Amino acid sequence: MSNKELHEHPEIIIPESPGLTRRSFIQTLGVAGVAAAAPMVLTTRKADAAKWPARPITGVVMYAAGGGTDTVIRTLCGEMARTTGWPVNVINRPGSVGGVATRYVLNKAADGYTWLGAGNYNKFVRPMGYTDSAAWVDWQHFAAAASLASWSVRPDSPFKTFNDVVAAAKKKSGKLTISTSGVGSIWHEVGATVADAAGIELRFVPYKGGKPATVAGLQGEVDIAGGGVHEHVEFLRAGKLRNLMHTGPKDLDISNYGKAYTIANFIPALKALLPMGGMYSIALRRETPVDVLNKIKPVWVAAAKSDAFGKIATRKYFQIDVRTGEAADRRAAQLECLSAATLLKLQKHIGKKVRGPKELGLPEPKDFDAWWPPKGYKPRI
């Protein structure tokens, strides 16, 4: 088997040892050695895939227990275990916007027994320099749902609609304030994306999470409360906040409140990116045997469409957004492209170097549709 063939067959296991990578293994091992070793390893890998799972699976959530990502991943893994009998354990390894969990799973064997419980298709970690692992190159994502960003104001605010904010911001560039869940966070990034598309500049005020960012809006510390629909909804119903827009693909009819309007009504160019917000998925290393990935796929889809998860999604106003295979790869690449461009613009606020699209080998967001699929890309499932 040639080096080229070895590259084209990721199902062949390359032994792992300190200092030995797949690339160095290919470069240092003679072709004859590879040819001799490959049949035995390939046969073993296929046999292992046939009896998978033969031991417990571990889901590694990249954020802390109790948050949106943790809630979604635990619910879906529990539903998968219930319907199949697969033993699935879920643990949390938060830190570095997902970088800690990402590195942990990357260091595990690509055998289907360690899953990454991911938020946002892991789109932050490469632009922020926490890893060189590209979400759509090194991982196979199985996506289920998305939370939606929300901009809301107090009832006494002079802003009645999103367009009122745009008009005021153009008169007072950089003066209007909006709360975020932290510097470089998902609500910071989505807020910056919306503001950029609207052609306005806002002053983003960071808080330690979506809940305190919402409270800041309630208390009048900022002009606009940034956050998620799931964080604002009870205050909307109580008459303490008024929604200006959300980042779902359609208007929402919120019980005991009324209609909340999608940003697509105001900025049609953003429609192709919706829903925008927190994205929830599991990801397996891309070298995982195809047979294993194809066993997981229908079970994941069924869990995402189950009544158990549907009840949570309805209560939280999450959007069911199931994507697997190439659809998930494309979405992961698109979101990483957008994040790299947005975070680069926010670099002075973030306080550390950000790697933009060019440095990562990505197009500018406006050129993404023409770029995808990139040269050499092949769907895994």
Protein backbone atom coordinates (compact mmCIF):
# COMPACT_ATOMS: atom_id res chain seq x y z
CA MET A 1 0.00 0.00 0.00
CA SER A 2 1.45 3.40 -1.01
CA ASN A 3 1.64 6.48 1.19
CA LYS A 4 -1.09 8.02 -0.96
CA GLU A 5 -3.34 5.03 -0.36
CA LEU A 6 -2.62 5.14 3.35
CA HIS A 7 -3.72 8.78 3.48
CA GLU A 8 -6.91 7.87 1.65
CA HIS A 9 -7.81 5.11 4.10
CA PRO A 10 -8.21 6.65 7.57
CA GLU A 11 -9.75 3.41 8.82
CA ILE A 12 -6.21 2.02 9.11
CA ILE A 13 -5.02 2.49 12.69
CA ILE A 14 -1.65 4.19 13.15
CA PRO A 15 -0.15 3.14 16.50
CA GLU A 16 0.05 6.00 18.99
CA SER A 17 3.13 6.64 21.11
CA PRO A 18 4.74 9.76 22.58
CA GLY A 19 6.19 11.89 19.82
CA LEU A 20 4.82 9.71 17.04
CA THR A 21 2.15 11.28 14.84
CA ARG A 22 0.28 9.83 11.89
CA ARG A 23 2.38 11.98 9.54
CA SER A 24 5.73 10.96 11.05
CA PHE A 25 4.61 7.32 11.04
CA ILE A 26 3.87 7.50 7.32
CA GLN A 27 7.15 9.27 6.58
CA THR A 28 9.39 6.97 8.62
CA LEU A 29 7.79 3.58 8.04
CA GLY A 30 8.85 1.89 4.82
CA VAL A 31 6.24 1.08 2.19
CA ALA A 32 6.93 -2.62 2.58
CA GLY A 33 6.35 -2.35 6.32
CA VAL A 34 3.03 -0.60 5.80
CA ALA A 35 1.96 -3.17 3.23
CA ALA A 36 2.78 -5.97 5.61
CA ALA A 37 1.11 -4.41 8.64
CA ALA A 38 -1.99 -2.90 7.04
CA PRO A 39 -4.06 -6.05 6.27
CA MET A 40 -3.91 -7.29 9.88
CA VAL A 41 -4.73 -3.85 11.36
CA LEU A 42 -7.53 -3.20 8.87
CA THR A 43 -9.11 -6.58 9.58
CA THR A 44 -8.95 -5.95 13.32
CA ARG A 45 -10.51 -2.51 12.91
CA LYS A 46 -13.42 -3.87 10.88
CA ALA A 47 -13.98 -6.65 13.39
CA ASP A 48 -14.01 -4.13 16.25
CA ALA A 49 -16.51 -1.98 14.38
CA ALA A 50 -18.80 -4.94 13.81
CA LYS A 51 -19.23 -5.60 17.54
CA TRP A 52 -19.28 -1.95 18.61
CA PRO A 53 -20.17 -0.95 21.30
CA ALA A 54 -18.58 -3.66 23.40
CA ARG A 55 -17.86 -1.36 26.36
CA PRO A 56 -19.15 1.95 27.83
CA ILE A 57 -19.09 5.14 25.77
CA THR A 58 -17.95 8.43 27.32
CA GLY A 59 -19.41 11.76 26.25
CA VAL A 60 -17.10 14.66 27.15
CA VAL A 61 -19.00 17.96 27.39
CA MET A 62 -16.86 21.01 26.71
CA TYR A 63 -18.77 23.30 29.08
CA ALA A 64 -19.72 23.17 32.74
CA ALA A 65 -22.57 21.11 34.16
CA GLY A 66 -25.99 22.74 34.15
CA GLY A 67 -25.53 24.91 31.07
CA GLY A 68 -27.30 24.66 27.74
CA THR A 69 -24.73 22.41 26.09
CA ASP A 70 -24.61 20.10 29.10
CA THR A 71 -28.40 19.88 29.30
CA VAL A 72 -28.80 19.06 25.61
CA ILE A 73 -25.97 16.51 25.43
CA ARG A 74 -27.08 14.71 28.61
CA THR A 75 -30.67 14.57 27.38
CA LEU A 76 -29.75 13.21 23.97
CA CYS A 77 -27.18 10.72 25.26
CA GLY A 78 -29.72 9.52 27.80
CA GLU A 79 -32.32 9.05 25.08
CA MET A 80 -29.84 7.15 22.91
CA ALA A 81 -28.93 4.89 25.82
CA ARG A 82 -32.60 4.29 26.61
CA THR A 83 -33.54 3.23 23.09
CA THR A 84 -30.46 1.11 22.31
CA GLY A 85 -29.14 -0.12 25.63
CA TRP A 86 -25.76 1.45 24.87
CA PRO A 87 -23.96 2.41 28.11
CA VAL A 88 -23.21 6.14 27.73
CA ASN A 89 -21.53 8.11 30.53
CA VAL A 90 -21.32 11.91 30.36
CA ILE A 91 -18.56 13.95 31.99
CA ASN A 92 -17.60 17.64 31.87
CA ARG A 93 -14.21 19.08 30.96
CA PRO A 94 -14.76 22.86 30.59
CA GLY A 95 -12.12 25.45 29.73
CA SER A 96 -10.67 27.50 26.86
CA VAL A 97 -14.07 27.78 25.07
CA GLY A 98 -13.98 24.04 24.46
CA GLY A 99 -10.24 23.64 23.94
CA VAL A 100 -9.69 21.48 27.03
CA ALA A 101 -12.32 18.90 26.06
CA THR A 102 -11.22 18.99 22.42
CA ARG A 103 -7.61 18.14 23.26
CA TYR A 104 -8.78 15.42 25.65
CA VAL A 105 -10.86 13.63 23.02
CA LEU A 106 -8.21 14.10 20.33
CA ASN A 107 -5.80 12.16 22.54
CA LYS A 108 -8.20 9.22 22.75
CA ALA A 109 -8.38 6.41 20.20
CA ALA A 110 -10.67 7.00 17.22
CA ASP A 111 -12.72 3.92 18.03
CA GLY A 112 -16.12 5.48 18.73
CA TYR A 113 -15.94 5.17 22.51
CA THR A 114 -15.16 8.82 23.31
CA TRP A 115 -17.51 11.53 22.04
CA LEU A 116 -17.06 15.28 22.25
CA GLY A 117 -20.16 17.02 23.60
CA ALA A 118 -19.75 20.13 21.50
CA GLY A 119 -21.15 23.61 21.44
CA ASN A 120 -21.14 25.71 18.28
CA TYR A 121 -19.47 23.04 16.13
CA ASN A 122 -16.29 23.77 18.09
CA LYS A 123 -15.87 26.86 15.95
CA PHE A 124 -13.97 29.01 18.47
CA VAL A 125 -10.99 26.84 19.34
CA ARG A 126 -8.92 27.23 16.14
CA PRO A 127 -9.42 31.01 15.62
CA MET A 128 -8.59 31.55 19.32
CA GLY A 129 -5.41 29.46 18.99
CA TYR A 130 -6.37 26.76 21.49
CA THR A 131 -5.85 23.97 18.96
CA ASP A 132 -5.04 23.41 15.29
CA SER A 133 -7.95 20.99 15.03
CA ALA A 134 -10.45 22.10 12.39
CA ALA A 135 -14.02 21.11 13.21
CA TRP A 136 -14.87 20.03 9.68
CA VAL A 137 -11.54 18.29 8.92
CA ASP A 138 -10.78 16.33 12.08
CA TRP A 139 -14.30 15.68 13.37
CA GLN A 140 -17.61 14.21 12.31
CA HIS A 141 -20.39 16.22 13.89
CA PHE A 142 -23.93 15.09 14.61
CA ALA A 143 -25.99 18.23 15.28
CA ALA A 144 -29.37 18.42 16.99
CA ALA A 145 -30.46 21.95 17.81
CA ALA A 146 -29.61 25.60 18.25
CA SER A 147 -30.48 28.20 20.82
CA LEU A 148 -31.35 31.64 19.52
CA ALA A 149 -29.78 35.00 20.29
CA SER A 150 -32.10 37.73 21.53
CA TRP A 151 -31.91 41.51 21.83
CA SER A 152 -34.41 42.89 24.31
CA VAL A 153 -35.05 46.20 26.06
CA ARG A 154 -36.95 47.43 29.08
CA PRO A 155 -40.57 48.54 28.51
CA ASP A 156 -39.59 52.20 29.01
CA SER A 157 -36.89 52.05 26.31
CA PRO A 158 -37.27 54.46 23.40
CA PHE A 159 -36.47 51.56 21.05
CA LYS A 160 -39.67 49.91 19.88
CA THR A 161 -38.15 47.92 17.02
CA PHE A 162 -34.75 46.73 15.81
CA ASN A 163 -34.80 49.48 13.19
CA ASP A 164 -35.00 52.07 15.98
CA VAL A 165 -31.71 50.74 17.34
CA VAL A 166 -30.10 50.95 13.91
CA ALA A 167 -31.23 54.55 13.43
CA ALA A 168 -30.00 55.61 16.88
CA ALA A 169 -26.69 53.76 16.53
CA LYS A 170 -25.96 55.49 13.24
CA LYS A 171 -26.45 58.86 14.94
CA LYS A 172 -24.39 57.85 17.99
CA SER A 173 -21.83 55.41 16.65
CA GLY A 174 -20.26 53.33 19.40
CA LYS A 175 -22.37 54.92 22.14
CA LEU A 176 -25.26 52.50 22.53
CA THR A 177 -24.46 49.65 24.94
CA ILE A 178 -25.43 45.98 24.77
CA SER A 179 -24.65 43.29 27.34
CA THR A 180 -22.92 40.04 26.38
CA SER A 181 -22.10 36.79 28.15
CA GLY A 182 -18.37 37.59 28.08
CA VAL A 183 -15.60 38.78 25.80
CA GLY A 184 -15.42 36.54 22.74
CA SER A 185 -18.49 34.56 23.86
CA ILE A 186 -21.27 33.30 21.60
CA TRP A 187 -23.57 36.25 22.40
CA HIS A 188 -20.68 38.67 21.85
CA GLU A 189 -19.93 37.10 18.48
CA VAL A 190 -23.55 36.95 17.33
CA GLY A 191 -24.14 40.53 18.48
CA ALA A 192 -21.10 41.70 16.53
CA THR A 193 -22.24 39.76 13.45
CA VAL A 194 -25.68 41.40 13.54
CA ALA A 195 -24.24 44.86 14.18
CA ASP A 196 -21.77 44.46 11.32
CA ALA A 197 -24.52 43.34 8.93
CA ALA A 198 -26.63 46.34 10.00
CA GLY A 199 -23.71 48.70 9.41
CA ILE A 200 -23.65 49.96 13.01
CA GLU A 201 -21.16 50.03 15.87
CA LEU A 202 -22.26 49.20 19.42
CA ARG A 203 -20.37 49.11 22.70
CA PHE A 204 -20.37 45.56 24.01
CA VAL A 205 -20.36 45.24 27.79
CA PRO A 206 -19.22 41.80 29.04
CA TYR A 207 -20.79 39.91 31.94
CA LYS A 208 -20.05 36.48 33.39
CA GLY A 209 -22.72 34.58 31.51
CA GLY A 210 -26.06 35.02 29.80
CA LYS A 211 -28.04 35.33 33.03
CA PRO A 212 -26.12 38.33 34.45
CA ALA A 213 -26.14 39.90 30.97
CA THR A 214 -29.93 39.66 31.01
CA VAL A 215 -30.12 41.12 34.53
CA ALA A 216 -27.96 44.05 33.35
CA GLY A 217 -30.63 44.86 30.79
CA LEU A 218 -33.40 44.54 33.36
CA GLN A 219 -31.61 46.94 35.71
CA GLY A 220 -30.89 49.52 33.01
CA GLU A 221 -27.12 49.10 33.14
CA VAL A 222 -27.10 48.80 29.33
CA ASP A 223 -29.35 50.05 26.55
CA ILE A 224 -29.94 46.54 25.17
CA ALA A 225 -29.96 43.18 26.92
CA GLY A 226 -28.05 40.67 24.83
CA GLY A 227 -28.45 36.95 25.45
CA GLY A 228 -30.59 34.04 24.36
CA VAL A 229 -34.32 33.71 23.85
CA HIS A 230 -34.30 31.00 26.53
CA GLU A 231 -32.73 33.52 28.95
CA HIS A 232 -35.18 36.32 28.12
CA VAL A 233 -38.47 34.49 27.66
CA GLU A 234 -39.74 34.60 31.25
CA PHE A 235 -39.01 38.32 31.49
CA LEU A 236 -40.84 38.88 28.21
CA ARG A 237 -43.88 37.09 29.59
CA ALA A 238 -43.67 39.08 32.83
CA GLY A 239 -43.65 42.36 30.91
CA LYS A 240 -40.17 43.29 32.15
CA LEU A 241 -38.50 43.09 28.74
CA ARG A 242 -39.57 43.72 25.13
CA ASN A 243 -37.94 41.72 22.36
CA LEU A 244 -36.46 43.57 19.38
CA MET A 245 -35.26 40.58 17.39
CA HIS A 246 -34.05 37.00 17.61
CA THR A 247 -31.82 34.91 15.34
CA GLY A 248 -34.19 32.09 14.43
CA PRO A 249 -35.28 31.54 10.83
CA LYS A 250 -38.94 32.41 11.52
CA ASP A 251 -40.96 34.68 13.80
CA LEU A 252 -41.81 33.12 17.16
CA ASP A 253 -45.20 33.13 18.81
CA ILE A 254 -44.32 33.18 22.51
CA SER A 255 -47.14 32.15 24.80
CA ASN A 256 -48.36 34.92 27.14
CA TYR A 257 -46.21 37.44 25.27
CA GLY A 258 -46.89 37.60 21.57
CA LYS A 259 -44.74 37.69 18.47
CA ALA A 260 -40.95 37.92 18.50
CA TYR A 261 -39.46 38.84 15.13
CA THR A 262 -36.60 37.15 13.30
CA ILE A 263 -33.62 39.29 12.30
CA ALA A 264 -34.28 38.15 8.72
CA ASN A 265 -37.16 40.64 8.63
CA PHE A 266 -34.70 43.47 9.09
CA ILE A 267 -31.50 42.12 7.48
CA PRO A 268 -32.44 39.60 4.75
CA ALA A 269 -28.75 38.96 4.02
CA LEU A 270 -28.45 37.12 7.33
CA LYS A 271 -31.17 34.60 6.48
CA ALA A 272 -28.70 32.05 5.10
CA LEU A 273 -26.87 31.96 8.45
CA LEU A 274 -29.95 31.28 10.58
CA PRO A 275 -30.44 29.89 13.12
CA MET A 276 -27.58 31.65 14.92
CA GLY A 277 -26.77 31.07 18.55
CA GLY A 278 -25.56 28.17 20.62
CA MET A 279 -25.31 25.03 18.47
CA TYR A 280 -25.46 21.60 20.10
CA SER A 281 -23.84 18.46 18.72
CA ILE A 282 -21.68 15.47 19.46
CA ALA A 283 -18.49 15.01 17.50
CA LEU A 284 -16.33 11.96 16.91
CA ARG A 285 -12.83 11.90 15.53
CA ARG A 286 -13.10 11.65 11.79
CA GLU A 287 -10.92 8.54 11.62
CA THR A 288 -13.61 6.63 13.50
CA PRO A 289 -14.69 3.60 11.40
CA VAL A 290 -17.50 4.44 9.00
CA ASP A 291 -19.47 1.45 10.25
CA VAL A 292 -19.49 2.96 13.75
CA LEU A 293 -20.45 6.42 12.50
CA ASN A 294 -23.31 4.89 10.53
CA LYS A 295 -24.53 3.05 13.63
CA ILE A 296 -24.63 6.33 15.58
CA LYS A 297 -26.30 8.41 12.87
CA PRO A 298 -29.87 7.00 12.91
CA VAL A 299 -29.90 6.72 16.71
CA TRP A 300 -28.82 10.35 17.07
CA VAL A 301 -31.43 11.56 14.58
CA ALA A 302 -34.14 9.63 16.41
CA ALA A 303 -33.05 11.08 19.77
CA ALA A 304 -33.07 14.63 18.37
CA LYS A 305 -36.61 14.08 17.08
CA SER A 306 -37.85 12.31 20.22
CA ASP A 307 -40.66 13.57 22.42
CA ALA A 308 -38.26 13.80 25.38
CA PHE A 309 -35.95 16.21 23.60
CA GLY A 310 -38.84 17.97 21.86
CA LYS A 311 -40.29 18.99 25.22
CA ILE A 312 -37.02 20.60 26.28
CA ALA A 313 -36.62 22.33 22.92
CA THR A 314 -40.15 23.72 23.10
CA ARG A 315 -39.68 24.96 26.65
CA LYS A 316 -36.32 26.62 25.85
CA TYR A 317 -37.31 27.85 22.36
CA PHE A 318 -34.45 25.87 20.89
CA GLN A 319 -34.63 25.24 17.15
CA ILE A 320 -34.38 21.58 16.14
CA ASP A 321 -31.59 21.64 13.56
CA VAL A 322 -30.47 18.08 12.77
CA ARG A 323 -27.41 17.83 10.53
CA THR A 324 -25.12 14.89 9.80
CA GLY A 325 -22.57 14.02 7.13
CA GLU A 326 -21.76 16.69 4.56
CA ALA A 327 -24.49 19.03 5.86
CA ALA A 328 -22.78 19.07 9.26
CA ASP A 329 -19.33 19.49 7.70
CA ARG A 330 -20.51 22.45 5.64
CA ARG A 331 -22.14 24.11 8.62
CA ALA A 332 -19.03 23.60 10.77
CA ALA A 333 -16.81 25.18 8.11
CA GLN A 334 -19.23 28.06 7.52
CA LEU A 335 -19.45 28.89 11.22
CA GLU A 336 -15.69 28.66 11.74
CA CYS A 337 -15.20 30.99 8.77
CA LEU A 338 -17.68 33.49 10.22
CA SER A 339 -16.19 33.24 13.72
CA ALA A 340 -12.64 33.77 12.49
CA ALA A 341 -13.67 36.93 10.63
CA THR A 342 -15.81 38.27 13.48
CA LEU A 343 -13.34 37.54 16.28
CA LEU A 344 -10.54 39.14 14.26
CA LYS A 345 -12.55 42.37 14.22
CA LEU A 346 -13.05 42.04 17.98
CA GLN A 347 -9.38 41.27 18.66
CA LYS A 348 -8.70 44.51 20.54
CA HIS A 349 -11.62 43.78 22.85
CA ILE A 350 -10.64 40.13 23.32
CA GLY A 351 -7.12 41.05 24.41
CA LYS A 352 -5.27 38.26 22.62
CA LYS A 353 -4.19 37.31 19.12
CA VAL A 354 -6.96 35.91 16.92
CA ARG A 355 -6.32 33.91 13.77
CA GLY A 356 -8.43 35.26 10.93
CA PRO A 357 -9.78 33.44 7.87
CA LYS A 358 -6.66 33.99 5.75
CA GLU A 359 -4.33 32.55 8.40
CA LEU A 360 -6.59 29.52 8.75
CA GLY A 361 -6.85 28.92 5.02
CA LEU A 362 -10.50 29.99 4.92
CA PRO A 363 -12.34 32.42 2.64
CA GLU A 364 -14.02 35.58 3.81
CA PRO A 365 -17.61 34.84 4.87
CA LYS A 366 -19.04 36.50 1.74
CA ASP A 367 -17.04 34.08 -0.43
CA PHE A 368 -17.92 30.91 1.46
CA ASP A 369 -20.60 29.58 -0.93
CA ALA A 370 -18.19 29.80 -3.86
CA TRP A 371 -15.40 28.13 -1.82
CA TRP A 372 -17.33 25.15 -0.49
CA PRO A 373 -16.49 22.34 -0.91
CA PRO A 374 -12.74 23.03 -0.70
CA LYS A 375 -10.30 21.11 -2.85
CA GLY A 376 -9.73 17.61 -1.53
CA TYR A 377 -12.83 17.51 0.66
CA LYS A 378 -14.66 14.17 0.82
CA PRO A 379 -17.72 13.40 2.96
CA ARG A 380 -17.06 10.75 5.57
CA ILE A 381 -20.65 9.47 5.85
